[in-house]
């Protein structure tokens, strides 16, 4: 990946972090809505910064699925 993709990904991560903070502090959203941007951020870090997207979906999908499971369980546990 080029420098432009890395910078764009970093900008997206910053935007998602600010959105997640707003949802948690000012938006009054539940844990599921607050953790949704976290899942997207995890996926971006896996794909771009850990370069799993270069190696195809054989690595990215199982690891991303496991992280989705963990974030989903956290949303359920924190929601109750």
PDB file of N, CA and C in Angstrom:
ATOM      1  N   UNK A   1       0.841  -1.175   0.000  1.00  0.00           N
ATOM      2  CA  UNK A   1       0.000   0.000   0.000  1.00  0.00           C
ATOM      3  C   UNK A   1       0.883   1.234   0.000  1.00  0.00           C
ATOM      4  N   UNK A   2       0.376   2.239  -0.624  1.00  0.00           N
ATOM      5  CA  UNK A   2       1.132   3.468  -0.708  1.00  0.00           C
ATOM      6  C   UNK A   2       0.922   4.349   0.504  1.00  0.00           C
ATOM      7  N   UNK A   3       1.663   5.439   0.499  1.00  0.00           N
ATOM      8  CA  UNK A   3       1.574   6.384   1.610  1.00  0.00           C
ATOM      9  C   UNK A   3       0.201   7.037   1.665  1.00  0.00           C
ATOM     10  N   UNK A   4      -0.411   7.258   0.513  1.00  0.00           N
ATOM     11  CA  UNK A   4      -1.735   7.878   0.488  1.00  0.00           C
ATOM     12  C   UNK A   4      -2.783   7.020   1.169  1.00  0.00           C
ATOM     13  N   UNK A   5      -2.728   5.714   0.935  1.00  0.00           N
ATOM     14  CA  UNK A   5      -3.690   4.806   1.575  1.00  0.00           C
ATOM     15  C   UNK A   5      -3.465   4.753   3.084  1.00  0.00           C
ATOM     16  N   UNK A   6      -2.218   4.800   3.485  1.00  0.00           N
ATOM     17  CA  UNK A   6      -1.916   4.769   4.918  1.00  0.00           C
ATOM     18  C   UNK A   6      -2.412   6.036   5.603  1.00  0.00           C
ATOM     19  N   UNK A   7      -2.192   7.183   4.961  1.00  0.00           N
ATOM     20  CA  UNK A   7      -2.645   8.452   5.534  1.00  0.00           C
ATOM     21  C   UNK A   7      -4.168   8.503   5.569  1.00  0.00           C
ATOM     22  N   UNK A   8      -4.821   8.023   4.524  1.00  0.00           N
ATOM     23  CA  UNK A   8      -6.286   7.998   4.499  1.00  0.00           C
ATOM     24  C   UNK A   8      -6.825   7.074   5.590  1.00  0.00           C
ATOM     25  N   UNK A   9      -6.179   5.951   5.796  1.00  0.00           N
ATOM     26  CA  UNK A   9      -6.601   5.031   6.849  1.00  0.00           C
ATOM     27  C   UNK A   9      -6.415   5.666   8.223  1.00  0.00           C
ATOM     28  N   UNK A  10      -5.312   6.355   8.403  1.00  0.00           N
ATOM     29  CA  UNK A  10      -5.075   7.038   9.675  1.00  0.00           C
ATOM     30  C   UNK A  10      -6.156   8.083   9.924  1.00  0.00           C
ATOM     31  N   UNK A  11      -6.516   8.836   8.890  1.00  0.00           N
ATOM     32  CA  UNK A  11      -7.580   9.828   9.025  1.00  0.00           C
ATOM     33  C   UNK A  11      -8.911   9.184   9.376  1.00  0.00           C
ATOM     34  N   UNK A  12      -9.194   8.044   8.758  1.00  0.00           N
ATOM     35  CA  UNK A  12     -10.422   7.324   9.083  1.00  0.00           C
ATOM     36  C   UNK A  12     -10.405   6.837  10.531  1.00  0.00           C
ATOM     37  N   UNK A  13      -9.249   6.376  11.000  1.00  0.00           N
ATOM     38  CA  UNK A  13      -9.139   5.921  12.387  1.00  0.00           C
ATOM     39  C   UNK A  13      -9.366   7.066  13.365  1.00  0.00           C
ATOM     40  N   UNK A  14      -8.824   8.232  13.048  1.00  0.00           N
ATOM     41  CA  UNK A  14      -9.036   9.401  13.913  1.00  0.00           C
ATOM     42  C   UNK A  14     -10.516   9.780  13.924  1.00  0.00           C
ATOM     43  N   UNK A  15     -11.139   9.806  12.742  1.00  0.00           N
ATOM     44  CA  UNK A  15     -12.561  10.137  12.666  1.00  0.00           C
ATOM     45  C   UNK A  15     -13.436   9.146  13.420  1.00  0.00           C
ATOM     46  N   UNK A  16     -13.126   7.869  13.282  1.00  0.00           N
ATOM     47  CA  UNK A  16     -13.882   6.845  14.005  1.00  0.00           C
ATOM     48  C   UNK A  16     -13.680   6.956  15.515  1.00  0.00           C
ATOM     49  N   UNK A  17     -12.470   7.311  15.933  1.00  0.00           N
ATOM     50  CA  UNK A  17     -12.216   7.487  17.369  1.00  0.00           C
ATOM     51  C   UNK A  17     -13.016   8.658  17.918  1.00  0.00           C
ATOM     52  N   UNK A  18     -13.052   9.754  17.179  1.00  0.00           N
ATOM     53  CA  UNK A  18     -13.833  10.915  17.624  1.00  0.00           C
ATOM     54  C   UNK A  18     -15.326  10.583  17.640  1.00  0.00           C
ATOM     55  N   UNK A  19     -15.797   9.845  16.637  1.00  0.00           N
ATOM     56  CA  UNK A  19     -17.197   9.451  16.614  1.00  0.00           C
ATOM     57  C   UNK A  19     -17.550   8.527  17.761  1.00  0.00           C
ATOM     58  N   UNK A  20     -16.669   7.603  18.065  1.00  0.00           N
ATOM     59  CA  UNK A  20     -16.897   6.693  19.182  1.00  0.00           C
ATOM     60  C   UNK A  20     -16.919   7.448  20.509  1.00  0.00           C
ATOM     61  N   UNK A  21     -16.030   8.417  20.646  1.00  0.00           N
ATOM     62  CA  UNK A  21     -16.011   9.242  21.864  1.00  0.00           C
ATOM     63  C   UNK A  21     -17.306  10.027  21.990  1.00  0.00           C
ATOM     64  N   UNK A  22     -17.764  10.602  20.889  1.00  0.00           N
ATOM     65  CA  UNK A  22     -19.013  11.365  20.930  1.00  0.00           C
ATOM     66  C   UNK A  22     -20.185  10.463  21.329  1.00  0.00           C
ATOM     67  N   UNK A  23     -20.243   9.271  20.741  1.00  0.00           N
ATOM     68  CA  UNK A  23     -21.332   8.355  21.072  1.00  0.00           C
ATOM     69  C   UNK A  23     -21.295   7.954  22.545  1.00  0.00           C
ATOM     70  N   UNK A  24     -20.094   7.758  23.075  1.00  0.00           N
ATOM     71  CA  UNK A  24     -19.975   7.312  24.466  1.00  0.00           C
ATOM     72  C   UNK A  24     -20.260   8.442  25.451  1.00  0.00           C
ATOM     73  N   UNK A  25     -19.783   9.643  25.152  1.00  0.00           N
ATOM     74  CA  UNK A  25     -19.879  10.735  26.123  1.00  0.00           C
ATOM     75  C   UNK A  25     -21.086  11.642  25.918  1.00  0.00           C
ATOM     76  N   UNK A  26     -21.389  11.972  24.679  1.00  0.00           N
ATOM     77  CA  UNK A  26     -22.430  12.964  24.460  1.00  0.00           C
ATOM     78  C   UNK A  26     -23.673  12.440  23.789  1.00  0.00           C
ATOM     79  N   UNK A  27     -23.560  11.344  23.082  1.00  0.00           N
ATOM     80  CA  UNK A  27     -24.684  10.865  22.301  1.00  0.00           C
ATOM     81  C   UNK A  27     -25.673  10.017  23.071  1.00  0.00           C
ATOM     82  N   UNK A  28     -25.275   9.483  24.177  1.00  0.00           N
ATOM     83  CA  UNK A  28     -26.151   8.642  24.971  1.00  0.00           C
ATOM     84  C   UNK A  28     -26.479   7.314  24.307  1.00  0.00           C
ATOM     85  N   UNK A  29     -25.618   6.860  23.429  1.00  0.00           N
ATOM     86  CA  UNK A  29     -25.861   5.603  22.722  1.00  0.00           C
ATOM     87  C   UNK A  29     -25.474   4.424  23.606  1.00  0.00           C
ATOM     88  N   UNK A  30     -26.042   3.272  23.300  1.00  0.00           N
ATOM     89  CA  UNK A  30     -25.731   2.060  24.040  1.00  0.00           C
ATOM     90  C   UNK A  30     -24.379   1.499  23.648  1.00  0.00           C
ATOM     91  N   UNK A  31     -23.930   0.487  24.363  1.00  0.00           N
ATOM     92  CA  UNK A  31     -22.605  -0.083  24.107  1.00  0.00           C
ATOM     93  C   UNK A  31     -22.441  -0.672  22.706  1.00  0.00           C
ATOM     94  N   UNK A  32     -23.511  -1.185  22.146  1.00  0.00           N
ATOM     95  CA  UNK A  32     -23.418  -1.739  20.797  1.00  0.00           C
ATOM     96  C   UNK A  32     -23.052  -0.679  19.774  1.00  0.00           C
ATOM     97  N   UNK A  33     -23.650   0.495  19.918  1.00  0.00           N
ATOM     98  CA  UNK A  33     -23.342   1.596  18.990  1.00  0.00           C
ATOM     99  C   UNK A  33     -21.966   2.163  19.234  1.00  0.00           C
ATOM    100  N   UNK A  34     -21.510   2.146  20.460  1.00  0.00           N
ATOM    101  CA  UNK A  34     -20.172   2.665  20.765  1.00  0.00           C
ATOM    102  C   UNK A  34     -19.105   1.695  20.273  1.00  0.00           C
ATOM    103  N   UNK A  35     -19.385   0.400  20.334  1.00  0.00           N
ATOM    104  CA  UNK A  35     -18.400  -0.598  19.923  1.00  0.00           C
ATOM    105  C   UNK A  35     -18.385  -0.855  18.420  1.00  0.00           C
ATOM    106  N   UNK A  36     -19.389  -0.384  17.685  1.00  0.00           N
ATOM    107  CA  UNK A  36     -19.407  -0.580  16.235  1.00  0.00           C
ATOM    108  C   UNK A  36     -18.213   0.095  15.553  1.00  0.00           C
ATOM    109  N   UNK A  37     -17.895   1.360  15.875  1.00  0.00           N
ATOM    110  CA  UNK A  37     -16.697   1.955  15.271  1.00  0.00           C
ATOM    111  C   UNK A  37     -15.407   1.246  15.703  1.00  0.00           C
ATOM    112  N   UNK A  38     -15.411   0.657  16.880  1.00  0.00           N
ATOM    113  CA  UNK A  38     -14.236  -0.086  17.344  1.00  0.00           C
ATOM    114  C   UNK A  38     -13.975  -1.276  16.427  1.00  0.00           C
ATOM    115  N   UNK A  39     -15.029  -1.955  16.023  1.00  0.00           N
ATOM    116  CA  UNK A  39     -14.874  -3.090  15.122  1.00  0.00           C
ATOM    117  C   UNK A  39     -14.329  -2.643  13.768  1.00  0.00           C
ATOM    118  N   UNK A  40     -14.808  -1.523  13.261  1.00  0.00           N
ATOM    119  CA  UNK A  40     -14.304  -1.000  11.988  1.00  0.00           C
ATOM    120  C   UNK A  40     -12.835  -0.603  12.125  1.00  0.00           C
ATOM    121  N   UNK A  41     -12.486   0.000  13.254  1.00  0.00           N
ATOM    122  CA  UNK A  41     -11.082   0.380  13.475  1.00  0.00           C
ATOM    123  C   UNK A  41     -10.184  -0.854  13.544  1.00  0.00           C
ATOM    124  N   UNK A  42     -10.636  -1.894  14.220  1.00  0.00           N
ATOM    125  CA  UNK A  42      -9.859  -3.129  14.280  1.00  0.00           C
ATOM    126  C   UNK A  42      -9.645  -3.706  12.891  1.00  0.00           C
ATOM    127  N   UNK A  43     -10.693  -3.699  12.081  1.00  0.00           N
ATOM    128  CA  UNK A  43     -10.604  -4.229  10.719  1.00  0.00           C
ATOM    129  C   UNK A  43      -9.609  -3.414   9.891  1.00  0.00           C
ATOM    130  N   UNK A  44      -9.648  -2.088  10.017  1.00  0.00           N
ATOM    131  CA  UNK A  44      -8.713  -1.243   9.261  1.00  0.00           C
ATOM    132  C   UNK A  44      -7.271  -1.485   9.690  1.00  0.00           C
ATOM    133  N   UNK A  45      -7.045  -1.624  10.975  1.00  0.00           N
ATOM    134  CA  UNK A  45      -5.682  -1.874  11.458  1.00  0.00           C
ATOM    135  C   UNK A  45      -5.190  -3.222  10.943  1.00  0.00           C
ATOM    136  N   UNK A  46      -6.057  -4.230  10.982  1.00  0.00           N
ATOM    137  CA  UNK A  46      -5.668  -5.546  10.462  1.00  0.00           C
ATOM    138  C   UNK A  46      -5.344  -5.479   8.973  1.00  0.00           C
ATOM    139  N   UNK A  47      -6.193  -4.845   8.226  1.00  0.00           N
ATOM    140  CA  UNK A  47      -6.051  -4.851   6.772  1.00  0.00           C
ATOM    141  C   UNK A  47      -4.895  -3.990   6.291  1.00  0.00           C
ATOM    142  N   UNK A  48      -4.751  -2.787   6.857  1.00  0.00           N
ATOM    143  CA  UNK A  48      -3.785  -1.835   6.311  1.00  0.00           C
ATOM    144  C   UNK A  48      -2.459  -1.867   7.060  1.00  0.00           C
ATOM    145  N   UNK A  49      -2.503  -1.676   8.356  1.00  0.00           N
ATOM    146  CA  UNK A  49      -1.248  -1.540   9.100  1.00  0.00           C
ATOM    147  C   UNK A  49      -0.568  -2.884   9.355  1.00  0.00           C
ATOM    148  N   UNK A  50      -1.354  -3.943   9.547  1.00  0.00           N
ATOM    149  CA  UNK A  50      -0.756  -5.270   9.696  1.00  0.00           C
ATOM    150  C   UNK A  50      -0.610  -5.971   8.353  1.00  0.00           C
ATOM    151  N   UNK A  51      -1.084  -5.332   7.288  1.00  0.00           N
ATOM    152  CA  UNK A  51      -0.946  -5.760   5.899  1.00  0.00           C
ATOM    153  C   UNK A  51      -1.543  -7.140   5.628  1.00  0.00           C
ATOM    154  N   UNK A  52      -2.620  -7.482   6.328  1.00  0.00           N
ATOM    155  CA  UNK A  52      -3.268  -8.758   6.053  1.00  0.00           C
ATOM    156  C   UNK A  52      -4.050  -8.721   4.744  1.00  0.00           C
ATOM    157  N   UNK A  53      -4.420  -7.538   4.274  1.00  0.00           N
ATOM    158  CA  UNK A  53      -5.136  -7.431   3.005  1.00  0.00           C
ATOM    159  C   UNK A  53      -4.250  -7.856   1.835  1.00  0.00           C
ATOM    160  N   UNK A  54      -2.950  -7.704   1.990  1.00  0.00           N
ATOM    161  CA  UNK A  54      -2.021  -8.118   0.931  1.00  0.00           C
ATOM    162  C   UNK A  54      -1.991  -9.626   0.753  1.00  0.00           C
ATOM    163  N   UNK A  55      -2.295 -10.361   1.784  1.00  0.00           N
ATOM    164  CA  UNK A  55      -2.192 -11.817   1.763  1.00  0.00           C
ATOM    165  C   UNK A  55      -3.514 -12.495   1.452  1.00  0.00           C
ATOM    166  N   UNK A  56      -4.479 -11.736   1.039  1.00  0.00           N
ATOM    167  CA  UNK A  56      -5.768 -12.311   0.668  1.00  0.00           C
ATOM    168  C   UNK A  56      -6.692 -12.463   1.859  1.00  0.00           C
ATOM    169  N   UNK A  57      -7.843 -13.017   1.569  1.00  0.00           N
ATOM    170  CA  UNK A  57      -8.876 -13.143   2.604  1.00  0.00           C
ATOM    171  C   UNK A  57      -8.674 -14.339   3.517  1.00  0.00           C
ATOM    172  N   UNK A  58      -7.725 -15.187   3.208  1.00  0.00           N
ATOM    173  CA  UNK A  58      -7.511 -16.383   4.019  1.00  0.00           C
ATOM    174  C   UNK A  58      -7.114 -16.030   5.452  1.00  0.00           C
ATOM    175  N   UNK A  59      -6.443 -14.933   5.655  1.00  0.00           N
ATOM    176  CA  UNK A  59      -6.063 -14.491   6.996  1.00  0.00           C
ATOM    177  C   UNK A  59      -7.020 -13.439   7.535  1.00  0.00           C
ATOM    178  N   UNK A  60      -7.440 -12.541   6.680  1.00  0.00           N
ATOM    179  CA  UNK A  60      -8.226 -11.392   7.132  1.00  0.00           C
ATOM    180  C   UNK A  60      -9.611 -11.790   7.624  1.00  0.00           C
ATOM    181  N   UNK A  61     -10.289 -12.681   6.930  1.00  0.00           N
ATOM    182  CA  UNK A  61     -11.650 -13.040   7.316  1.00  0.00           C
ATOM    183  C   UNK A  61     -11.735 -13.825   8.631  1.00  0.00           C
ATOM    184  N   UNK A  62     -10.914 -14.854   8.859  1.00  0.00           N
ATOM    185  CA  UNK A  62     -11.029 -15.552  10.154  1.00  0.00           C
ATOM    186  C   UNK A  62     -10.660 -14.676  11.344  1.00  0.00           C
ATOM    187  N   UNK A  63      -9.618 -13.893  11.215  1.00  0.00           N
ATOM    188  CA  UNK A  63      -9.219 -13.027  12.327  1.00  0.00           C
ATOM    189  C   UNK A  63     -10.251 -11.932  12.537  1.00  0.00           C
ATOM    190  N   UNK A  64     -10.738 -11.349  11.445  1.00  0.00           N
ATOM    191  CA  UNK A  64     -11.787 -10.337  11.548  1.00  0.00           C
ATOM    192  C   UNK A  64     -13.072 -10.911  12.130  1.00  0.00           C
ATOM    193  N   UNK A  65     -13.407 -12.136  11.753  1.00  0.00           N
ATOM    194  CA  UNK A  65     -14.586 -12.782  12.321  1.00  0.00           C
ATOM    195  C   UNK A  65     -14.453 -13.028  13.813  1.00  0.00           C
ATOM    196  N   UNK A  66     -13.268 -13.437  14.237  1.00  0.00           N
ATOM    197  CA  UNK A  66     -13.032 -13.643  15.664  1.00  0.00           C
ATOM    198  C   UNK A  66     -13.150 -12.323  16.425  1.00  0.00           C
ATOM    199  N   UNK A  67     -12.588 -11.252  15.876  1.00  0.00           N
ATOM    200  CA  UNK A  67     -12.699  -9.952  16.534  1.00  0.00           C
ATOM    201  C   UNK A  67     -14.146  -9.471  16.567  1.00  0.00           C
ATOM    202  N   UNK A  68     -14.912  -9.745  15.521  1.00  0.00           N
ATOM    203  CA  UNK A  68     -16.328  -9.392  15.525  1.00  0.00           C
ATOM    204  C   UNK A  68     -17.068 -10.155  16.622  1.00  0.00           C
ATOM    205  N   UNK A  69     -16.716 -11.407  16.808  1.00  0.00           N
ATOM    206  CA  UNK A  69     -17.313 -12.198  17.875  1.00  0.00           C
ATOM    207  C   UNK A  69     -16.984 -11.607  19.246  1.00  0.00           C
ATOM    208  N   UNK A  70     -15.736 -11.246  19.459  1.00  0.00           N
ATOM    209  CA  UNK A  70     -15.319 -10.674  20.747  1.00  0.00           C
ATOM    210  C   UNK A  70     -16.030  -9.351  21.002  1.00  0.00           C
ATOM    211  N   UNK A  71     -16.084  -8.475  20.000  1.00  0.00           N
ATOM    212  CA  UNK A  71     -16.758  -7.184  20.170  1.00  0.00           C
ATOM    213  C   UNK A  71     -18.250  -7.397  20.382  1.00  0.00           C
ATOM    214  N   UNK A  72     -18.853  -8.358  19.706  1.00  0.00           N
ATOM    215  CA  UNK A  72     -20.264  -8.662  19.917  1.00  0.00           C
ATOM    216  C   UNK A  72     -20.557  -9.149  21.325  1.00  0.00           C
ATOM    217  N   UNK A  73     -19.697 -10.017  21.827  1.00  0.00           N
ATOM    218  CA  UNK A  73     -19.866 -10.493  23.204  1.00  0.00           C
ATOM    219  C   UNK A  73     -19.711  -9.342  24.195  1.00  0.00           C
ATOM    220  N   UNK A  74     -18.755  -8.476  23.956  1.00  0.00           N
ATOM    221  CA  UNK A  74     -18.593  -7.307  24.825  1.00  0.00           C
ATOM    222  C   UNK A  74     -19.827  -6.414  24.797  1.00  0.00           C
ATOM    223  N   UNK A  75     -20.406  -6.222  23.617  1.00  0.00           N
ATOM    224  CA  UNK A  75     -21.605  -5.384  23.520  1.00  0.00           C
ATOM    225  C   UNK A  75     -22.769  -6.000  24.291  1.00  0.00           C
ATOM    226  N   UNK A  76     -22.891  -7.321  24.218  1.00  0.00           N
ATOM    227  CA  UNK A  76     -23.974  -7.983  24.957  1.00  0.00           C
ATOM    228  C   UNK A  76     -23.738  -7.898  26.462  1.00  0.00           C
ATOM    229  N   UNK A  77     -22.507  -8.169  26.890  1.00  0.00           N
ATOM    230  CA  UNK A  77     -22.202  -8.161  28.322  1.00  0.00           C
ATOM    231  C   UNK A  77     -22.348  -6.756  28.898  1.00  0.00           C
ATOM    232  N   UNK A  78     -21.848  -5.757  28.188  1.00  0.00           N
ATOM    233  CA  UNK A  78     -21.919  -4.385  28.693  1.00  0.00           C
ATOM    234  C   UNK A  78     -23.320  -3.811  28.587  1.00  0.00           C
ATOM    235  N   UNK A  79     -24.129  -4.350  27.689  1.00  0.00           N
ATOM    236  CA  UNK A  79     -25.493  -3.855  27.529  1.00  0.00           C
ATOM    237  C   UNK A  79     -26.434  -4.318  28.622  1.00  0.00           C
ATOM    238  N   UNK A  80     -26.080  -5.369  29.305  1.00  0.00           N
ATOM    239  CA  UNK A  80     -26.981  -5.890  30.342  1.00  0.00           C
ATOM    240  C   UNK A  80     -26.665  -5.351  31.710  1.00  0.00           C
TER     241      UNK A  80
END
